[in-house]
Amino acid sequence: MTKLPADEKYYHQWRHNGVVYTFSWLGNVPQPPHRVSALAFTAEGQMLLVTDENWSPACWLPGGGIEAGETPEQALARELIEEANAIVKKSIKIGIQQTDSSEGVRSFQAVYWCRVQLGDEFHPNHEVTERHLVSPDDFLDTLFWGRSDPKAELLLNLALEIERNH
């Protein structure tokens, strides 16, 4: 097993449907990911979150799995179109999160900052049924794990630093 980061505060557990998921922030390491997610900003400085009718009002980061033959960046662009009718204009990888389940499954997720342009209309066609724009000040309170996982604040601060430079 991969060792946990030295800074244990970026280690978090979550129980869902009887399965315990352990999330470990690895940082910017050269680990090929299975999934991607985005801290997506509009040109107006709003952040994009998504949800579905079963989770509403709880929101999560847009993203999903990487399909065969796709790069992580191609998967990110596809997922943002599918989930939020958002076109990625620019993206920068923030780092990698490792997820281990109590069922013995390990996966890696690349987390990106990105600038997006929203399409005029949003027509849900996958698991996502709503897209939400929130200010960075409201991000941690709107993201369903924003206040329970210290990594959320870390990711927000890293994304805001990139956002200020773009």
N, C-alpha and C. Protein backbone atom coordinates (compact mmCIF):
# COMPACT_ATOMS: atom_id res chain seq x y z
N MET A 1 0.83 -1.19 0.00
CA MET A 1 0.00 0.00 0.00
C MET A 1 0.86 1.24 0.00
N THR A 2 0.38 2.26 -0.70
CA THR A 2 1.04 3.55 -0.70
C THR A 2 0.92 4.18 0.67
N LYS A 3 2.00 4.78 1.14
CA LYS A 3 1.97 5.43 2.45
C LYS A 3 1.11 6.68 2.38
N LEU A 4 0.48 7.01 3.49
CA LEU A 4 -0.31 8.24 3.59
C LEU A 4 0.63 9.44 3.60
N PRO A 5 0.12 10.58 3.16
CA PRO A 5 0.95 11.78 3.23
C PRO A 5 1.38 12.02 4.68
N ALA A 6 2.54 12.65 4.85
CA ALA A 6 3.05 12.94 6.19
C ALA A 6 2.07 13.82 6.95
N ASP A 7 1.38 14.71 6.24
CA ASP A 7 0.43 15.61 6.87
C ASP A 7 -0.93 14.92 6.91
N GLU A 8 -1.25 14.29 8.03
CA GLU A 8 -2.47 13.50 8.18
C GLU A 8 -3.76 14.30 8.01
N LYS A 9 -3.70 15.63 8.07
CA LYS A 9 -4.95 16.37 7.98
C LYS A 9 -5.57 16.30 6.58
N TYR A 10 -4.83 15.80 5.61
CA TYR A 10 -5.37 15.64 4.26
C TYR A 10 -5.75 14.18 3.99
N TYR A 11 -6.19 13.53 5.04
CA TYR A 11 -6.66 12.15 5.04
C TYR A 11 -8.08 12.22 5.60
N HIS A 12 -9.04 11.59 4.92
CA HIS A 12 -10.43 11.70 5.33
C HIS A 12 -11.16 10.40 5.02
N GLN A 13 -12.11 10.02 5.88
CA GLN A 13 -12.93 8.84 5.63
C GLN A 13 -14.39 9.24 5.52
N TRP A 14 -15.10 8.51 4.66
CA TRP A 14 -16.52 8.76 4.43
C TRP A 14 -17.21 7.41 4.27
N ARG A 15 -18.35 7.25 4.92
CA ARG A 15 -19.13 6.01 4.83
C ARG A 15 -20.34 6.29 3.94
N HIS A 16 -20.54 5.44 2.92
CA HIS A 16 -21.67 5.59 2.01
C HIS A 16 -22.18 4.20 1.64
N ASN A 17 -23.46 3.94 1.91
CA ASN A 17 -24.09 2.65 1.60
C ASN A 17 -23.30 1.47 2.16
N GLY A 18 -22.80 1.63 3.38
CA GLY A 18 -22.10 0.55 4.06
C GLY A 18 -20.65 0.37 3.67
N VAL A 19 -20.14 1.18 2.76
CA VAL A 19 -18.74 1.10 2.33
C VAL A 19 -17.99 2.29 2.91
N VAL A 20 -16.79 2.05 3.44
CA VAL A 20 -15.96 3.13 3.96
C VAL A 20 -14.94 3.49 2.88
N TYR A 21 -14.91 4.78 2.53
CA TYR A 21 -13.96 5.29 1.56
C TYR A 21 -12.92 6.13 2.30
N THR A 22 -11.66 5.86 2.01
CA THR A 22 -10.57 6.63 2.60
C THR A 22 -9.92 7.45 1.49
N PHE A 23 -9.91 8.76 1.68
CA PHE A 23 -9.34 9.69 0.70
C PHE A 23 -8.03 10.22 1.24
N SER A 24 -6.98 10.11 0.45
CA SER A 24 -5.64 10.60 0.84
C SER A 24 -5.14 11.53 -0.25
N TRP A 25 -4.80 12.75 0.13
CA TRP A 25 -4.26 13.72 -0.82
C TRP A 25 -2.78 13.42 -1.01
N LEU A 26 -2.38 13.16 -2.26
CA LEU A 26 -0.99 12.83 -2.58
C LEU A 26 -0.23 14.03 -3.11
N GLY A 27 -0.95 15.06 -3.55
CA GLY A 27 -0.30 16.23 -4.12
C GLY A 27 -0.03 16.03 -5.60
N ASN A 28 0.90 16.80 -6.11
CA ASN A 28 1.20 16.76 -7.54
C ASN A 28 2.25 15.69 -7.81
N VAL A 29 1.79 14.44 -7.88
CA VAL A 29 2.66 13.29 -8.10
C VAL A 29 2.37 12.70 -9.49
N PRO A 30 3.33 11.97 -10.07
CA PRO A 30 3.14 11.41 -11.41
C PRO A 30 2.37 10.09 -11.41
N GLN A 31 1.17 10.10 -10.87
CA GLN A 31 0.33 8.90 -10.79
C GLN A 31 -0.76 8.99 -11.86
N PRO A 32 -0.84 8.00 -12.78
CA PRO A 32 -1.93 8.03 -13.76
C PRO A 32 -3.29 7.90 -13.06
N PRO A 33 -4.22 8.81 -13.35
CA PRO A 33 -5.53 8.76 -12.68
C PRO A 33 -6.53 7.87 -13.41
N HIS A 34 -7.56 7.46 -12.66
CA HIS A 34 -8.71 6.74 -13.21
C HIS A 34 -9.87 7.69 -13.43
N ARG A 35 -9.87 8.79 -12.66
CA ARG A 35 -10.97 9.76 -12.68
C ARG A 35 -10.39 11.17 -12.68
N VAL A 36 -11.24 12.13 -13.00
CA VAL A 36 -10.88 13.54 -12.98
C VAL A 36 -12.00 14.34 -12.32
N SER A 37 -11.65 15.47 -11.73
CA SER A 37 -12.66 16.40 -11.23
C SER A 37 -12.11 17.81 -11.36
N ALA A 38 -13.00 18.80 -11.27
CA ALA A 38 -12.60 20.17 -11.54
C ALA A 38 -13.11 21.14 -10.49
N LEU A 39 -12.24 22.06 -10.12
CA LEU A 39 -12.64 23.28 -9.46
C LEU A 39 -12.72 24.28 -10.61
N ALA A 40 -13.91 24.42 -11.13
CA ALA A 40 -14.14 25.16 -12.37
C ALA A 40 -14.64 26.57 -12.08
N PHE A 41 -14.01 27.54 -12.72
CA PHE A 41 -14.35 28.95 -12.55
C PHE A 41 -14.87 29.52 -13.86
N THR A 42 -15.87 30.37 -13.75
CA THR A 42 -16.31 31.14 -14.91
C THR A 42 -15.45 32.40 -15.00
N ALA A 43 -15.53 33.11 -16.11
CA ALA A 43 -14.78 34.36 -16.28
C ALA A 43 -15.20 35.40 -15.24
N GLU A 44 -16.41 35.26 -14.70
CA GLU A 44 -16.92 36.19 -13.69
C GLU A 44 -16.48 35.81 -12.27
N GLY A 45 -15.71 34.73 -12.13
CA GLY A 45 -15.20 34.33 -10.83
C GLY A 45 -16.11 33.42 -10.03
N GLN A 46 -17.21 32.94 -10.63
CA GLN A 46 -18.10 32.00 -9.96
C GLN A 46 -17.54 30.58 -10.13
N MET A 47 -17.87 29.71 -9.18
CA MET A 47 -17.41 28.33 -9.23
C MET A 47 -18.59 27.42 -9.57
N LEU A 48 -18.31 26.42 -10.39
CA LEU A 48 -19.33 25.49 -10.88
C LEU A 48 -19.37 24.24 -10.01
N LEU A 49 -20.55 23.91 -9.52
CA LEU A 49 -20.80 22.65 -8.82
C LEU A 49 -22.02 22.00 -9.45
N VAL A 50 -22.16 20.69 -9.25
CA VAL A 50 -23.28 19.95 -9.84
C VAL A 50 -23.94 19.09 -8.77
N THR A 51 -25.16 18.63 -9.08
CA THR A 51 -25.88 17.73 -8.19
C THR A 51 -26.92 16.95 -8.99
N ASP A 52 -27.63 16.07 -8.32
CA ASP A 52 -28.76 15.40 -8.95
C ASP A 52 -29.95 15.46 -8.00
N GLU A 53 -31.09 15.02 -8.46
CA GLU A 53 -32.32 15.13 -7.66
C GLU A 53 -32.25 14.32 -6.37
N ASN A 54 -31.45 13.26 -6.32
CA ASN A 54 -31.35 12.45 -5.11
C ASN A 54 -30.47 13.09 -4.04
N TRP A 55 -29.53 13.93 -4.46
CA TRP A 55 -28.60 14.55 -3.52
C TRP A 55 -28.94 16.01 -3.23
N SER A 56 -29.71 16.64 -4.10
CA SER A 56 -29.99 18.07 -3.96
C SER A 56 -30.52 18.35 -2.55
N PRO A 57 -30.02 19.35 -1.86
CA PRO A 57 -29.21 20.45 -2.33
C PRO A 57 -27.70 20.21 -2.24
N ALA A 58 -27.25 19.03 -1.81
CA ALA A 58 -25.82 18.77 -1.71
C ALA A 58 -25.18 18.76 -3.09
N CYS A 59 -24.04 19.41 -3.22
CA CYS A 59 -23.36 19.54 -4.51
C CYS A 59 -21.97 18.91 -4.45
N TRP A 60 -21.45 18.57 -5.62
CA TRP A 60 -20.11 18.02 -5.73
C TRP A 60 -19.40 18.64 -6.93
N LEU A 61 -18.10 18.32 -7.05
CA LEU A 61 -17.30 18.81 -8.16
C LEU A 61 -17.69 18.08 -9.43
N PRO A 62 -17.76 18.78 -10.56
CA PRO A 62 -18.00 18.07 -11.82
C PRO A 62 -16.78 17.21 -12.18
N GLY A 63 -17.04 16.09 -12.82
CA GLY A 63 -15.96 15.20 -13.24
C GLY A 63 -16.47 13.78 -13.37
N GLY A 64 -15.55 12.86 -13.64
CA GLY A 64 -15.94 11.47 -13.79
C GLY A 64 -14.79 10.62 -14.27
N GLY A 65 -15.12 9.47 -14.81
CA GLY A 65 -14.13 8.50 -15.23
C GLY A 65 -13.45 8.84 -16.54
N ILE A 66 -12.26 8.30 -16.68
CA ILE A 66 -11.49 8.45 -17.92
C ILE A 66 -11.77 7.23 -18.78
N GLU A 67 -12.22 7.46 -20.00
CA GLU A 67 -12.54 6.36 -20.91
C GLU A 67 -11.30 5.89 -21.65
N ALA A 68 -11.35 4.67 -22.18
CA ALA A 68 -10.23 4.09 -22.92
C ALA A 68 -9.82 5.03 -24.04
N GLY A 69 -8.53 5.29 -24.14
CA GLY A 69 -7.98 6.13 -25.20
C GLY A 69 -8.00 7.62 -24.89
N GLU A 70 -8.60 8.02 -23.78
CA GLU A 70 -8.66 9.44 -23.42
C GLU A 70 -7.49 9.83 -22.53
N THR A 71 -7.03 11.06 -22.68
CA THR A 71 -6.12 11.64 -21.71
C THR A 71 -6.97 12.18 -20.57
N PRO A 72 -6.38 12.43 -19.41
CA PRO A 72 -7.16 13.04 -18.33
C PRO A 72 -7.79 14.38 -18.75
N GLU A 73 -7.07 15.17 -19.52
CA GLU A 73 -7.59 16.46 -19.96
C GLU A 73 -8.77 16.30 -20.91
N GLN A 74 -8.72 15.30 -21.78
CA GLN A 74 -9.85 15.03 -22.67
C GLN A 74 -11.07 14.56 -21.87
N ALA A 75 -10.83 13.72 -20.85
CA ALA A 75 -11.93 13.27 -20.00
C ALA A 75 -12.54 14.44 -19.24
N LEU A 76 -11.70 15.34 -18.75
CA LEU A 76 -12.19 16.51 -18.04
C LEU A 76 -13.09 17.35 -18.95
N ALA A 77 -12.64 17.60 -20.16
CA ALA A 77 -13.44 18.39 -21.11
C ALA A 77 -14.77 17.69 -21.42
N ARG A 78 -14.73 16.38 -21.65
CA ARG A 78 -15.96 15.64 -21.95
C ARG A 78 -16.92 15.66 -20.76
N GLU A 79 -16.41 15.40 -19.57
CA GLU A 79 -17.26 15.36 -18.38
C GLU A 79 -17.91 16.71 -18.10
N LEU A 80 -17.19 17.81 -18.29
CA LEU A 80 -17.78 19.12 -18.04
C LEU A 80 -18.86 19.45 -19.06
N ILE A 81 -18.68 19.03 -20.29
CA ILE A 81 -19.75 19.21 -21.29
C ILE A 81 -20.96 18.37 -20.89
N GLU A 82 -20.73 17.08 -20.59
CA GLU A 82 -21.82 16.17 -20.25
C GLU A 82 -22.58 16.61 -19.00
N GLU A 83 -21.85 16.99 -17.97
CA GLU A 83 -22.48 17.25 -16.68
C GLU A 83 -23.02 18.67 -16.52
N ALA A 84 -22.45 19.64 -17.26
CA ALA A 84 -22.84 21.03 -16.97
C ALA A 84 -22.92 21.92 -18.21
N ASN A 85 -22.77 21.35 -19.41
CA ASN A 85 -22.71 22.16 -20.62
C ASN A 85 -21.70 23.29 -20.44
N ALA A 86 -20.50 22.91 -19.98
CA ALA A 86 -19.42 23.85 -19.73
C ALA A 86 -18.22 23.47 -20.60
N ILE A 87 -17.71 24.43 -21.33
CA ILE A 87 -16.56 24.21 -22.20
C ILE A 87 -15.29 24.64 -21.46
N VAL A 88 -14.33 23.72 -21.37
CA VAL A 88 -13.05 24.03 -20.72
C VAL A 88 -12.22 24.89 -21.66
N LYS A 89 -11.86 26.07 -21.18
CA LYS A 89 -11.01 26.99 -21.94
C LYS A 89 -9.55 26.84 -21.58
N LYS A 90 -9.29 26.48 -20.32
CA LYS A 90 -7.92 26.32 -19.83
C LYS A 90 -7.98 25.43 -18.60
N SER A 91 -6.97 24.58 -18.42
CA SER A 91 -6.94 23.73 -17.22
C SER A 91 -5.51 23.54 -16.75
N ILE A 92 -5.37 23.37 -15.44
CA ILE A 92 -4.08 23.09 -14.81
C ILE A 92 -4.31 22.04 -13.73
N LYS A 93 -3.52 20.98 -13.76
CA LYS A 93 -3.65 19.93 -12.75
C LYS A 93 -3.16 20.46 -11.40
N ILE A 94 -3.99 20.28 -10.37
CA ILE A 94 -3.64 20.68 -9.01
C ILE A 94 -2.92 19.53 -8.31
N GLY A 95 -3.42 18.30 -8.51
CA GLY A 95 -2.79 17.17 -7.85
C GLY A 95 -3.64 15.91 -7.94
N ILE A 96 -3.24 14.92 -7.16
CA ILE A 96 -3.86 13.58 -7.19
C ILE A 96 -4.38 13.21 -5.80
N GLN A 97 -5.58 12.64 -5.81
CA GLN A 97 -6.17 12.07 -4.60
C GLN A 97 -6.26 10.56 -4.78
N GLN A 98 -5.86 9.83 -3.75
CA GLN A 98 -6.00 8.37 -3.74
C GLN A 98 -7.25 8.02 -2.96
N THR A 99 -8.05 7.09 -3.50
CA THR A 99 -9.25 6.63 -2.81
C THR A 99 -9.15 5.12 -2.62
N ASP A 100 -9.31 4.68 -1.38
CA ASP A 100 -9.34 3.26 -1.05
C ASP A 100 -10.69 2.95 -0.42
N SER A 101 -11.33 1.87 -0.87
CA SER A 101 -12.61 1.49 -0.29
C SER A 101 -12.41 0.30 0.63
N SER A 102 -13.34 0.12 1.57
CA SER A 102 -13.29 -1.03 2.48
C SER A 102 -13.51 -2.34 1.73
N GLU A 103 -13.93 -2.24 0.45
CA GLU A 103 -14.09 -3.43 -0.39
C GLU A 103 -12.80 -3.79 -1.12
N GLY A 104 -11.70 -3.04 -0.85
CA GLY A 104 -10.41 -3.35 -1.44
C GLY A 104 -10.14 -2.71 -2.79
N VAL A 105 -10.92 -1.73 -3.18
CA VAL A 105 -10.73 -1.06 -4.47
C VAL A 105 -9.93 0.23 -4.26
N ARG A 106 -8.90 0.43 -5.07
CA ARG A 106 -8.09 1.64 -5.02
C ARG A 106 -8.21 2.36 -6.36
N SER A 107 -8.37 3.66 -6.28
CA SER A 107 -8.37 4.46 -7.51
C SER A 107 -7.69 5.79 -7.24
N PHE A 108 -7.35 6.48 -8.33
CA PHE A 108 -6.68 7.77 -8.25
C PHE A 108 -7.47 8.77 -9.07
N GLN A 109 -7.60 9.96 -8.51
CA GLN A 109 -8.37 11.02 -9.16
C GLN A 109 -7.48 12.25 -9.32
N ALA A 110 -7.39 12.75 -10.55
CA ALA A 110 -6.68 14.00 -10.80
C ALA A 110 -7.65 15.15 -10.61
N VAL A 111 -7.22 16.16 -9.85
CA VAL A 111 -8.04 17.33 -9.58
C VAL A 111 -7.44 18.51 -10.33
N TYR A 112 -8.29 19.23 -11.05
CA TYR A 112 -7.86 20.34 -11.88
C TYR A 112 -8.51 21.65 -11.49
N TRP A 113 -7.79 22.75 -11.66
CA TRP A 113 -8.38 24.08 -11.76
C TRP A 113 -8.72 24.23 -13.23
N CYS A 114 -9.85 24.83 -13.54
CA CYS A 114 -10.11 25.15 -14.94
C CYS A 114 -10.99 26.38 -15.06
N ARG A 115 -10.83 27.03 -16.19
CA ARG A 115 -11.70 28.15 -16.58
C ARG A 115 -12.68 27.58 -17.58
N VAL A 116 -13.96 27.84 -17.36
CA VAL A 116 -14.99 27.30 -18.23
C VAL A 116 -15.87 28.41 -18.78
N GLN A 117 -16.47 28.10 -19.90
CA GLN A 117 -17.51 28.95 -20.48
C GLN A 117 -18.79 28.12 -20.49
N LEU A 118 -19.83 28.64 -19.84
CA LEU A 118 -21.08 27.91 -19.77
C LEU A 118 -21.91 28.10 -21.03
N GLY A 119 -22.49 26.99 -21.51
CA GLY A 119 -23.46 27.09 -22.59
C GLY A 119 -24.72 27.76 -22.08
N ASP A 120 -25.48 28.36 -22.97
CA ASP A 120 -26.69 29.09 -22.57
C ASP A 120 -27.71 28.20 -21.89
N GLU A 121 -27.89 27.01 -22.39
CA GLU A 121 -28.91 26.12 -21.84
C GLU A 121 -28.25 24.87 -21.27
N PHE A 122 -28.84 24.39 -20.20
CA PHE A 122 -28.37 23.16 -19.58
C PHE A 122 -29.49 22.13 -19.67
N HIS A 123 -29.22 21.04 -20.37
CA HIS A 123 -30.19 19.95 -20.51
C HIS A 123 -29.57 18.69 -19.89
N PRO A 124 -30.01 18.32 -18.71
CA PRO A 124 -29.44 17.13 -18.05
C PRO A 124 -29.60 15.90 -18.94
N ASN A 125 -28.50 15.14 -19.07
CA ASN A 125 -28.59 13.91 -19.86
C ASN A 125 -27.82 12.76 -19.22
N HIS A 126 -27.31 12.96 -18.03
CA HIS A 126 -26.62 11.89 -17.29
C HIS A 126 -27.11 11.93 -15.85
N GLU A 127 -26.24 11.54 -14.92
CA GLU A 127 -26.64 11.52 -13.51
C GLU A 127 -26.84 12.92 -12.93
N VAL A 128 -26.21 13.92 -13.51
CA VAL A 128 -26.35 15.29 -13.02
C VAL A 128 -27.65 15.89 -13.54
N THR A 129 -28.41 16.50 -12.62
CA THR A 129 -29.66 17.14 -13.03
C THR A 129 -29.66 18.65 -12.82
N GLU A 130 -28.65 19.15 -12.09
CA GLU A 130 -28.58 20.59 -11.84
C GLU A 130 -27.13 21.05 -11.83
N ARG A 131 -26.91 22.26 -12.33
CA ARG A 131 -25.60 22.90 -12.18
C ARG A 131 -25.83 24.16 -11.35
N HIS A 132 -24.85 24.45 -10.51
CA HIS A 132 -24.94 25.60 -9.61
C HIS A 132 -23.68 26.44 -9.74
N LEU A 133 -23.85 27.75 -9.70
CA LEU A 133 -22.73 28.66 -9.63
C LEU A 133 -22.72 29.27 -8.25
N VAL A 134 -21.56 29.23 -7.60
CA VAL A 134 -21.41 29.78 -6.26
C VAL A 134 -20.16 30.65 -6.21
N SER A 135 -20.15 31.57 -5.29
CA SER A 135 -18.95 32.39 -5.09
C SER A 135 -17.92 31.54 -4.34
N PRO A 136 -16.64 31.86 -4.49
CA PRO A 136 -15.62 31.14 -3.71
C PRO A 136 -15.90 31.19 -2.20
N ASP A 137 -16.50 32.28 -1.74
CA ASP A 137 -16.83 32.40 -0.31
C ASP A 137 -17.88 31.38 0.12
N ASP A 138 -18.74 30.94 -0.78
CA ASP A 138 -19.80 29.98 -0.46
C ASP A 138 -19.44 28.54 -0.84
N PHE A 139 -18.30 28.35 -1.48
CA PHE A 139 -17.90 27.04 -2.00
C PHE A 139 -17.89 25.96 -0.92
N LEU A 140 -17.19 26.19 0.20
CA LEU A 140 -17.05 25.16 1.24
C LEU A 140 -18.38 24.80 1.88
N ASP A 141 -19.32 25.75 1.92
CA ASP A 141 -20.63 25.47 2.50
C ASP A 141 -21.57 24.78 1.52
N THR A 142 -21.29 24.87 0.23
CA THR A 142 -22.15 24.29 -0.79
C THR A 142 -21.67 22.90 -1.21
N LEU A 143 -20.37 22.70 -1.28
CA LEU A 143 -19.79 21.39 -1.59
C LEU A 143 -20.13 20.44 -0.44
N PHE A 144 -20.73 19.28 -0.75
CA PHE A 144 -21.25 18.44 0.33
C PHE A 144 -20.18 17.99 1.31
N TRP A 145 -18.94 17.87 0.91
CA TRP A 145 -17.87 17.47 1.83
C TRP A 145 -16.96 18.65 2.18
N GLY A 146 -17.40 19.85 1.86
CA GLY A 146 -16.57 21.03 2.01
C GLY A 146 -16.15 21.36 3.43
N ARG A 147 -16.99 21.10 4.39
CA ARG A 147 -16.63 21.41 5.78
C ARG A 147 -16.17 20.18 6.56
N SER A 148 -16.39 18.98 6.03
CA SER A 148 -16.00 17.78 6.76
C SER A 148 -14.61 17.28 6.39
N ASP A 149 -14.11 17.65 5.22
CA ASP A 149 -12.81 17.18 4.75
C ASP A 149 -11.88 18.38 4.60
N PRO A 150 -10.82 18.46 5.40
CA PRO A 150 -9.91 19.60 5.32
C PRO A 150 -9.28 19.80 3.94
N LYS A 151 -9.29 18.74 3.14
CA LYS A 151 -8.73 18.85 1.79
C LYS A 151 -9.51 19.85 0.94
N ALA A 152 -10.80 20.03 1.22
CA ALA A 152 -11.61 20.96 0.43
C ALA A 152 -11.05 22.38 0.53
N GLU A 153 -10.68 22.80 1.72
CA GLU A 153 -10.10 24.14 1.88
C GLU A 153 -8.74 24.23 1.19
N LEU A 154 -7.95 23.17 1.30
CA LEU A 154 -6.66 23.14 0.60
C LEU A 154 -6.87 23.31 -0.90
N LEU A 155 -7.79 22.52 -1.49
CA LEU A 155 -8.05 22.60 -2.93
C LEU A 155 -8.58 23.97 -3.32
N LEU A 156 -9.48 24.52 -2.52
CA LEU A 156 -9.99 25.86 -2.82
C LEU A 156 -8.86 26.87 -2.83
N ASN A 157 -8.00 26.84 -1.84
CA ASN A 157 -6.89 27.80 -1.79
C ASN A 157 -5.93 27.63 -2.96
N LEU A 158 -5.62 26.39 -3.33
CA LEU A 158 -4.75 26.15 -4.49
C LEU A 158 -5.40 26.65 -5.77
N ALA A 159 -6.71 26.39 -5.92
CA ALA A 159 -7.42 26.83 -7.12
C ALA A 159 -7.53 28.35 -7.17
N LEU A 160 -7.76 28.99 -6.03
CA LEU A 160 -7.84 30.46 -6.01
C LEU A 160 -6.50 31.10 -6.35
N GLU A 161 -5.41 30.47 -5.94
CA GLU A 161 -4.08 30.98 -6.29
C GLU A 161 -3.88 30.93 -7.81
N ILE A 162 -4.28 29.82 -8.43
CA ILE A 162 -4.17 29.71 -9.89
C ILE A 162 -5.11 30.71 -10.53
N GLU A 163 -6.31 30.82 -10.02
CA GLU A 163 -7.31 31.75 -10.57
C GLU A 163 -6.79 33.20 -10.56
N ARG A 164 -6.15 33.59 -9.48
CA ARG A 164 -5.59 34.96 -9.40
C ARG A 164 -4.54 35.21 -10.49
N ASN A 165 -3.83 34.17 -10.88
CA ASN A 165 -2.77 34.31 -11.89
C ASN A 165 -3.30 34.18 -13.32
N HIS A 166 -4.58 33.91 -13.48
CA HIS A 166 -5.14 33.77 -14.83
C HIS A 166 -6.30 34.72 -14.98
